[in-house]
Protein backbone atom coordinates (compact mmCIF):
# COMPACT_ATOMS: atom_id res chain seq x y z
CA UNK A 1 78.11 50.14 -14.72
CA UNK A 2 78.56 47.34 -17.28
CA UNK A 3 81.34 49.32 -18.97
CA UNK A 4 83.09 49.86 -15.64
CA UNK A 5 82.98 46.14 -14.82
CA UNK A 6 84.22 45.19 -18.30
CA UNK A 7 87.10 47.65 -18.03
CA UNK A 8 88.10 46.17 -14.69
CA UNK A 9 88.09 42.64 -16.10
CA UNK A 10 90.23 43.78 -19.06
CA UNK A 11 92.69 45.44 -16.69
CA UNK A 12 93.11 42.07 -14.97
CA UNK A 13 93.28 39.81 -18.03
CA UNK A 14 94.27 41.90 -21.06
CA UNK A 15 92.68 43.03 -24.30
CA UNK A 16 92.19 39.74 -26.16
CA UNK A 17 89.23 37.39 -25.82
CA UNK A 18 88.86 36.58 -22.12
CA UNK A 19 87.59 33.06 -21.32
CA UNK A 20 85.84 32.16 -18.09
CA UNK A 21 88.50 29.74 -16.84
CA UNK A 22 91.50 28.31 -18.67
CA UNK A 23 94.03 25.65 -17.59
CA UNK A 24 97.65 26.54 -16.93
CA UNK A 25 100.38 24.05 -17.85
CA UNK A 26 104.14 24.13 -17.45
CA UNK A 27 107.20 22.03 -18.17
CA UNK A 28 106.50 19.52 -15.39
CA UNK A 29 103.16 18.57 -16.94
CA UNK A 30 104.87 17.92 -20.27
CA UNK A 31 107.64 15.91 -18.62
CA UNK A 32 105.25 13.66 -16.68
CA UNK A 33 103.03 13.03 -19.70
CA UNK A 34 106.02 12.20 -21.90
CA UNK A 35 107.28 9.86 -19.19
CA UNK A 36 103.94 8.06 -19.20
CA UNK A 37 104.03 7.81 -23.00
CA UNK A 38 107.58 6.44 -22.96
CA UNK A 39 106.59 3.84 -20.38
CA UNK A 40 103.85 2.57 -22.77
CA UNK A 41 101.51 2.39 -19.75
CA UNK A 42 98.99 4.92 -20.99
CA UNK A 43 95.70 3.27 -20.02
CA UNK A 44 94.25 2.38 -16.61
CA UNK A 45 97.34 0.56 -15.31
CA UNK A 46 100.43 2.54 -14.41
CA UNK A 47 102.39 4.14 -11.58
CA UNK A 48 100.91 7.61 -12.01
CA UNK A 49 97.42 6.30 -11.21
CA UNK A 50 98.59 4.98 -7.85
CA UNK A 51 100.62 8.12 -7.20
CA UNK A 52 97.62 10.30 -7.95
CA UNK A 53 95.47 8.35 -5.50
CA UNK A 54 98.10 8.66 -2.78
CA UNK A 55 98.43 12.41 -3.38
CA UNK A 56 94.65 12.95 -3.35
CA UNK A 57 94.33 11.10 -0.05
CA UNK A 58 97.18 13.14 1.44
CA UNK A 59 95.77 16.44 0.18
CA UNK A 60 92.22 15.89 1.37
CA UNK A 61 93.06 14.03 4.56
CA UNK A 62 90.97 11.04 3.50
CA UNK A 63 92.24 7.53 4.12
CA UNK A 64 91.53 6.33 0.59
CA UNK A 65 91.17 7.78 -2.90
CA UNK A 66 90.05 6.07 -6.09
CA UNK A 67 91.08 7.56 -9.44
CA UNK A 68 88.21 7.83 -11.91
CA UNK A 69 87.63 8.82 -15.52
CA UNK A 70 85.52 11.90 -14.67
CA UNK A 71 83.44 13.52 -11.96
CA UNK A 72 80.09 12.22 -13.17
CA UNK A 73 81.33 8.63 -13.17
CA UNK A 74 82.79 9.21 -9.70
CA UNK A 75 79.45 10.26 -8.26
CA UNK A 76 77.57 7.51 -10.10
CA UNK A 77 79.93 4.82 -8.85
CA UNK A 78 79.92 6.11 -5.28
CA UNK A 79 76.12 5.92 -5.20
CA UNK A 80 76.05 2.43 -6.69
CA UNK A 81 78.78 1.16 -4.36
CA UNK A 82 76.92 2.36 -1.28
CA UNK A 83 73.79 0.52 -2.35
CA UNK A 84 71.58 3.02 -4.18
CA UNK A 85 69.13 1.14 -6.42
CA UNK A 86 66.38 1.96 -8.96
CA UNK A 87 63.84 1.52 -6.17
CA UNK A 88 65.32 4.44 -4.20
CA UNK A 89 65.33 8.22 -4.02
CA UNK A 90 68.29 10.53 -3.46
CA UNK A 91 67.97 14.05 -2.04
CA UNK A 92 69.98 16.77 -3.75
CA UNK A 93 69.80 20.47 -4.60
CA UNK A 94 68.28 21.95 -7.78
CA UNK A 95 71.00 24.59 -8.13
CA UNK A 96 73.80 22.43 -9.50
CA UNK A 97 75.44 21.35 -12.72
CA UNK A 98 73.32 18.71 -14.43
CA UNK A 99 75.96 16.01 -13.83
CA UNK A 100 74.96 15.83 -10.16
CA UNK A 101 71.41 14.88 -11.02
CA UNK A 102 72.40 12.76 -14.01
CA UNK A 103 74.57 10.61 -11.74
CA UNK A 104 71.59 9.95 -9.48
CA UNK A 105 69.51 8.91 -12.45
CA UNK A 106 72.39 6.79 -13.83
CA UNK A 107 72.18 4.85 -10.57
CA UNK A 108 68.50 4.34 -11.37
CA UNK A 109 67.26 6.46 -8.46
CA UNK A 110 64.82 9.36 -8.45
CA UNK A 111 66.12 12.81 -7.40
CA UNK A 112 64.28 14.82 -4.75
CA UNK A 113 65.10 18.53 -4.51
CA UNK A 114 65.47 20.71 -1.41
CA UNK A 115 66.47 24.37 -1.30
CA UNK A 116 69.89 25.99 -0.99
CA UNK A 117 71.21 28.70 1.33
CA UNK A 118 71.54 32.07 -0.43
CA UNK A 119 75.01 32.79 0.99
CA UNK A 120 76.63 29.43 0.09
CA UNK A 121 74.48 28.46 -2.94
CA UNK A 122 74.75 24.96 -1.49
CA UNK A 123 72.18 22.73 0.19
CA UNK A 124 70.31 24.35 3.06
CA UNK A 125 70.38 22.24 6.25
CA UNK A 126 67.14 23.93 7.35
CA UNK A 127 65.34 23.11 4.10
CA UNK A 128 66.62 19.53 4.26
CA UNK A 129 65.45 19.08 7.84
CA UNK A 130 62.08 20.65 7.13
CA UNK A 131 61.50 18.27 4.22
CA UNK A 132 62.58 15.19 6.16
CA UNK A 133 60.51 16.09 9.21
CA UNK A 134 57.37 16.72 7.17
CA UNK A 135 57.63 14.28 4.29
CA UNK A 136 59.37 11.17 5.58
CA UNK A 137 59.05 8.42 8.15
CA UNK A 138 61.36 5.75 9.53
CA UNK A 139 60.51 2.16 8.63
CA UNK A 140 62.68 -0.86 9.40
CA UNK A 141 65.61 1.38 10.25
CA UNK A 142 65.51 3.37 7.00
CA UNK A 143 64.05 6.72 5.96
CA UNK A 144 61.09 6.50 3.55
CA UNK A 145 59.23 9.16 1.60
CA UNK A 146 55.62 9.19 2.85
CA UNK A 147 54.36 10.35 -0.56
CA UNK A 148 56.08 7.78 -2.76
CA UNK A 149 56.88 5.05 -0.24
CA UNK A 150 60.43 4.87 -1.56
CA UNK A 151 63.55 4.60 0.58
CA UNK A 152 65.70 7.71 0.67
CA UNK A 153 69.03 6.02 0.12
CA UNK A 154 71.42 8.98 0.04
CA UNK A 155 71.83 12.75 0.16
CA UNK A 156 74.07 14.59 -2.33
CA UNK A 157 74.90 18.22 -1.43
CA UNK A 158 77.14 20.17 -3.79
CA UNK A 159 79.79 22.79 -2.94
CA UNK A 160 78.87 25.38 -5.57
CA UNK A 161 81.74 27.07 -7.44
CA UNK A 162 84.08 25.85 -4.70
CA UNK A 163 82.28 27.64 -1.85
CA UNK A 164 81.81 25.21 1.06
CA UNK A 165 78.24 24.77 2.24
CA UNK A 166 77.28 24.10 5.86
CA UNK A 167 78.19 20.47 5.40
CA UNK A 168 78.51 19.61 9.09
CA UNK A 169 74.89 20.66 9.63
CA UNK A 170 73.73 18.66 6.60
CA UNK A 171 75.58 15.61 7.97
CA UNK A 172 73.96 16.05 11.39
CA UNK A 173 70.46 16.17 9.87
CA UNK A 174 71.14 13.12 7.71
CA UNK A 175 72.54 11.15 10.64
CA UNK A 176 69.27 11.67 12.50
CA UNK A 177 67.42 10.09 9.59
CA UNK A 178 70.10 7.46 8.87
CA UNK A 179 70.78 8.80 5.39
CA UNK A 180 74.37 8.47 4.09
CA UNK A 181 75.90 11.55 2.48
CA UNK A 182 77.97 11.69 -0.69
CA UNK A 183 79.48 15.15 -1.20
CA UNK A 184 79.63 16.46 -4.74
CA UNK A 185 82.95 18.28 -4.34
CA UNK A 186 83.58 18.40 -8.09
CA UNK A 187 84.27 22.14 -7.98
CA UNK A 188 85.91 22.45 -4.57
CA UNK A 189 89.38 20.93 -4.69
CA UNK A 190 91.41 23.00 -2.25
CA UNK A 191 88.36 24.25 -0.32
CA UNK A 192 88.04 23.75 3.43
CA UNK A 193 85.29 24.05 6.02
CA UNK A 194 86.18 24.32 9.69
CA UNK A 195 89.66 23.04 8.91
CA UNK A 196 88.58 19.95 6.94
CA UNK A 197 88.75 19.51 3.20
CA UNK A 198 85.44 19.35 1.39
CA UNK A 199 84.51 15.82 0.37
CA UNK A 200 85.69 14.30 3.66
CA UNK A 201 82.61 14.94 5.81
CA UNK A 202 80.31 12.38 4.20
CA UNK A 203 80.66 8.67 3.60
CA UNK A 204 82.34 9.62 0.32
CA UNK A 205 83.23 12.70 -1.68
CA UNK A 206 83.71 13.08 -5.43
CA UNK A 207 85.91 15.42 -7.47
CA UNK A 208 86.27 16.49 -11.10
CA UNK A 209 89.38 17.37 -13.09
CA UNK A 210 87.64 18.57 -16.23
CA UNK A 211 89.41 21.12 -18.43
CA UNK A 212 87.84 24.12 -16.71
CA UNK A 213 88.52 23.10 -13.10
CA UNK A 214 91.13 24.57 -10.72
CA UNK A 215 93.48 21.80 -11.79
CA UNK A 216 92.84 19.53 -14.73
CA UNK A 217 94.04 16.43 -16.51
CA UNK A 218 91.74 16.97 -19.47
CA UNK A 219 89.19 14.56 -18.09
CA UNK A 220 89.35 12.82 -14.77
CA UNK A 221 87.76 12.38 -11.39
CA UNK A 222 88.29 10.90 -7.95
CA UNK A 223 86.37 9.50 -5.01
CA UNK A 224 87.65 9.86 -1.46
CA UNK A 225 86.43 7.98 1.60
CA UNK A 226 87.53 6.84 5.05
CA UNK A 227 85.70 3.52 4.67
CA UNK A 228 88.13 0.80 3.61
CA UNK A 229 85.47 -1.66 2.47
CA UNK A 230 83.78 1.01 0.35
CA UNK A 231 87.11 2.03 -1.19
CA UNK A 232 87.91 -1.57 -2.13
CA UNK A 233 84.45 -2.03 -3.63
CA UNK A 234 84.64 1.19 -5.65
CA UNK A 235 88.05 0.34 -7.07
CA UNK A 236 86.80 -3.14 -7.98
CA UNK A 237 83.67 -1.79 -9.69
CA UNK A 238 85.68 0.86 -11.55
CA UNK A 239 87.86 -1.82 -13.17
CA UNK A 240 85.07 -3.98 -14.66
CA UNK A 241 84.94 -6.09 -11.46
CA UNK A 242 87.90 -8.16 -12.67
CA UNK A 243 89.19 -10.63 -10.10
CA UNK A 244 92.98 -10.10 -9.83
CA UNK A 245 94.91 -12.81 -11.65
CA UNK A 246 98.13 -12.80 -13.75
CA UNK A 247 96.35 -13.94 -16.92
CA UNK A 248 92.76 -15.06 -16.33
CA UNK A 249 89.85 -12.75 -17.19
CA UNK A 250 87.16 -13.52 -14.64
CA UNK A 251 84.64 -10.89 -13.53
CA UNK A 252 82.25 -11.39 -10.62
CA UNK A 253 79.56 -8.77 -11.33
CA UNK A 254 78.34 -6.26 -13.89
CA UNK A 255 80.60 -3.24 -13.43
CA UNK A 256 82.17 -0.24 -15.16
CA UNK A 257 85.25 0.79 -17.11
CA UNK A 258 85.68 3.96 -15.03
CA UNK A 259 89.38 3.87 -14.08
CA UNK A 260 91.49 6.97 -14.78
CA UNK A 261 94.10 6.31 -17.50
CA UNK A 262 97.77 6.59 -16.52
CA UNK A 263 98.26 9.28 -19.17
CA UNK A 264 95.68 11.52 -17.49
CA UNK A 265 97.02 10.65 -14.05
CA UNK A 266 100.49 11.84 -15.07
CA UNK A 267 99.06 15.23 -15.95
CA UNK A 268 97.00 15.26 -12.74
CA UNK A 269 100.06 14.54 -10.58
CA UNK A 270 101.93 17.47 -12.06
CA UNK A 271 98.93 19.76 -11.60
CA UNK A 272 98.50 18.69 -7.97
CA UNK A 273 102.07 19.78 -7.31
CA UNK A 274 101.09 23.29 -8.43
CA UNK A 275 97.76 23.49 -6.62
CA UNK A 276 98.98 25.59 -3.70
CA UNK A 277 100.29 28.27 -6.05
CA UNK A 278 97.10 28.22 -8.09
CA UNK A 279 95.00 28.69 -4.95
CA UNK A 280 97.09 31.65 -3.79
CA UNK A 281 96.84 33.22 -7.23
CA UNK A 282 93.08 32.76 -7.40
CA UNK A 283 92.54 34.17 -3.91
CA UNK A 284 94.48 37.28 -4.91
CA UNK A 285 92.17 37.69 -7.89
CA UNK A 286 89.08 37.17 -5.74
CA UNK A 287 90.29 39.77 -3.24
CA UNK A 288 90.84 42.22 -6.10
CA UNK A 289 87.32 41.61 -7.36
CA UNK A 290 85.92 41.93 -3.84
CA UNK A 291 87.48 45.35 -3.35
CA UNK A 292 86.23 46.50 -6.75
CA UNK A 293 82.64 45.36 -6.32
CA UNK A 294 82.41 46.83 -2.81
CA UNK A 295 82.20 50.21 -4.57
CA UNK A 296 79.34 49.18 -6.85
CA UNK A 297 75.72 48.20 -6.33
CA UNK A 298 76.62 44.60 -7.19
CA UNK A 299 76.86 41.68 -4.80
CA UNK A 300 80.05 39.60 -4.81
CA UNK A 301 79.89 36.03 -3.50
CA UNK A 302 82.33 35.29 -0.68
CA UNK A 303 82.96 32.38 1.65
CA UNK A 304 80.97 32.03 4.87
CA UNK A 305 82.54 32.08 8.33
CA UNK A 306 84.59 28.95 8.93
CA UNK A 307 85.07 28.30 5.22
CA UNK A 308 88.07 28.78 2.97
CA UNK A 309 87.06 28.55 -0.69
CA UNK A 310 89.26 27.77 -3.66
CA UNK A 311 87.53 30.58 -5.59
CA UNK A 312 87.23 28.35 -8.63
CA UNK A 313 84.66 30.59 -10.29
CA UNK A 314 83.98 34.07 -8.99
CA UNK A 315 80.32 35.04 -8.96
CA UNK A 316 78.38 38.30 -8.78
CA UNK A 317 74.75 38.98 -7.87
CA UNK A 318 72.87 41.37 -10.11
CA UNK A 319 69.60 43.17 -9.36
CA UNK A 320 67.23 40.84 -11.20
CA UNK A 321 66.88 38.58 -14.23
CA UNK A 322 66.59 41.51 -16.63
CA UNK A 323 69.86 43.07 -15.46
CA UNK A 324 71.52 39.64 -15.49
CA UNK A 325 70.54 39.01 -19.09
CA UNK A 326 71.60 42.50 -20.16
CA UNK A 327 75.00 42.04 -18.51
CA UNK A 328 75.52 38.66 -20.19
CA UNK A 329 74.71 40.17 -23.58
CA UNK A 330 76.97 43.17 -23.00
CA UNK A 331 80.04 41.25 -21.87
CA UNK A 332 79.86 38.28 -24.23
CA UNK A 333 79.38 40.57 -27.23
CA UNK A 334 82.62 42.30 -26.21
CA UNK A 335 84.75 39.15 -26.01
CA UNK A 336 84.50 38.78 -22.23
CA UNK A 337 83.09 35.37 -21.37
CA UNK A 338 80.54 35.46 -18.60
CA UNK A 339 77.85 32.89 -17.90
CA UNK A 340 74.70 32.56 -15.81
CA UNK A 341 74.33 30.03 -13.05
CA UNK A 342 72.66 26.83 -14.22
CA UNK A 343 68.96 26.53 -14.91
CA UNK A 344 67.44 24.79 -11.92
CA UNK A 345 67.49 21.03 -12.40
CA UNK A 346 63.83 20.66 -11.44
CA UNK A 347 62.98 22.88 -14.44
CA UNK A 348 64.78 20.61 -16.91
CA UNK A 349 62.50 18.37 -18.93
CA UNK A 350 63.91 15.07 -17.68
CA UNK A 351 63.60 16.06 -14.00
CA UNK A 352 60.49 18.24 -14.07
CA UNK A 353 58.31 15.54 -12.47
CA UNK A 354 60.65 15.02 -9.52
CA UNK A 355 59.46 15.99 -6.06
CA UNK A 356 60.70 19.40 -4.91
CA UNK A 357 60.17 21.28 -1.67
CA UNK A 358 59.81 25.05 -1.72
CA UNK A 359 62.82 26.49 -3.57
CA UNK A 360 62.70 30.30 -3.08
CA UNK A 361 66.44 30.73 -2.53
CA UNK A 362 67.41 28.65 -5.56
CA UNK A 363 64.96 30.56 -7.73
CA UNK A 364 66.24 33.90 -6.42
CA UNK A 365 69.83 32.96 -7.19
CA UNK A 366 68.94 31.59 -10.62
CA UNK A 367 67.68 35.05 -11.57
CA UNK A 368 70.79 36.90 -10.41
CA UNK A 369 74.07 34.93 -10.34
CA UNK A 370 76.67 35.41 -13.08
CA UNK A 371 80.19 33.97 -13.21
CA UNK A 372 83.01 36.24 -14.32
CA UNK A 373 86.53 35.39 -15.62
CA UNK A 374 88.46 33.50 -12.93
CA UNK A 375 91.57 31.98 -14.52
CA UNK A 376 94.93 31.73 -12.83
CA UNK A 377 96.99 34.74 -14.00
CA UNK A 378 100.71 34.30 -14.58
CA UNK A 379 103.06 36.56 -16.48
C-alpha cells in the first residue's frame, strides 16, 4: 500500500524531491517587491501595508484588519489587547501547532486544554461545554475555574490544516459563559463555514503568512475584527504605542514592534491577488486525492457539511501509530516529504502541568494523522 500511495504522489508532483508545501511566485510578486524597494519604504510604514489591510478586510468580510509581523505575534497581541493578563487562563485545544499555546503563555496566561472533534480536528463544542459546566462558575460577571480560582479570559479554537471547525457552536457555548473567542485561523485563509470566512466569528481572528502557508510573504500575519475600538488598540500596540506626531517620539504604554514591514506587505498583496486561483488548484488536488484514497483502506480528511476548506494541507488517517510511523519512514526515505500531526501540546514539557479535560479524540488523531504533499501545481 505504501508503494501505491508513493507512486500516486509522484504521478501528481514528479520524480524529484517532493516537499510538503512550497510557495508559488510570479512576475507580479517581483514587480510589487521591487516597487517597494524603489520607494525606500521597506519597513513598517508604506502604502502596501495599508493596501494589504484593506484587501484582508475585503476578503474576509471583517470591518478591520491589522497587518502583523507573523501569526504568533498576531495571536499574542489580540489576547493582550482584549485584556488577557498573567492572572488568567485561556481555553484552547491540545491538537495544534505550538504557536497557539505559546501565544497564550506570551500573554502570561495559563492554557487549559479541551478535546477536539475527530472529523474537524478542531475544538469540540461538546467537550468545551462539558468542561465549562463541570469545572467553572460565574463570579462577578466572569467565568472562573473552580479548581484554580482563575478567570477564564478567552477561548482560542484553531481551524486545523484549513478545515473549519464548528465555530458557531463554540461561540454559542462561550457566549453563555461570557468568554470572548479569538479564532486561530493561521492555516485557514480562504476557508469558509456556513458562508462566512473563518476568523470572523469571534471577537478577533488571526492569520499567518509563513513560507509554507497557502499564500505567503515570507513572514507575516494579520488580525481581523469587527470591533473598531479593538482594532485601533491593536494597531497602536503593534507600533510600540507611539502617539502620532510629525516628529515627537512619545509612547503611552509598554507595547510591541509587531507591524508588518512594507516589503513583506508588497509580496502579500501580490499573493492575495492570486489566492482564488491557488484555492481552485488546491481543491482539484484534494479531489484527486479523495478519489484515490476511496479505493484504499486509508481515511482521507474532508470538510464537514457547511464548510468549504482551503485544503492547505491534505491529511490521511492510518490504522494506528505503528502504521503511521512506518509510512513516515517509507515516504521520507524516498524523497517524499510527509509529516505527522503535532505532538499534543499538553504532552510538551512546558505545558505538561496545564489542566486538561479528557482528550480521547486528540490522542486518537495524534496516533494516525499524516500530512501529504499539498503544493499548488502549475506547469
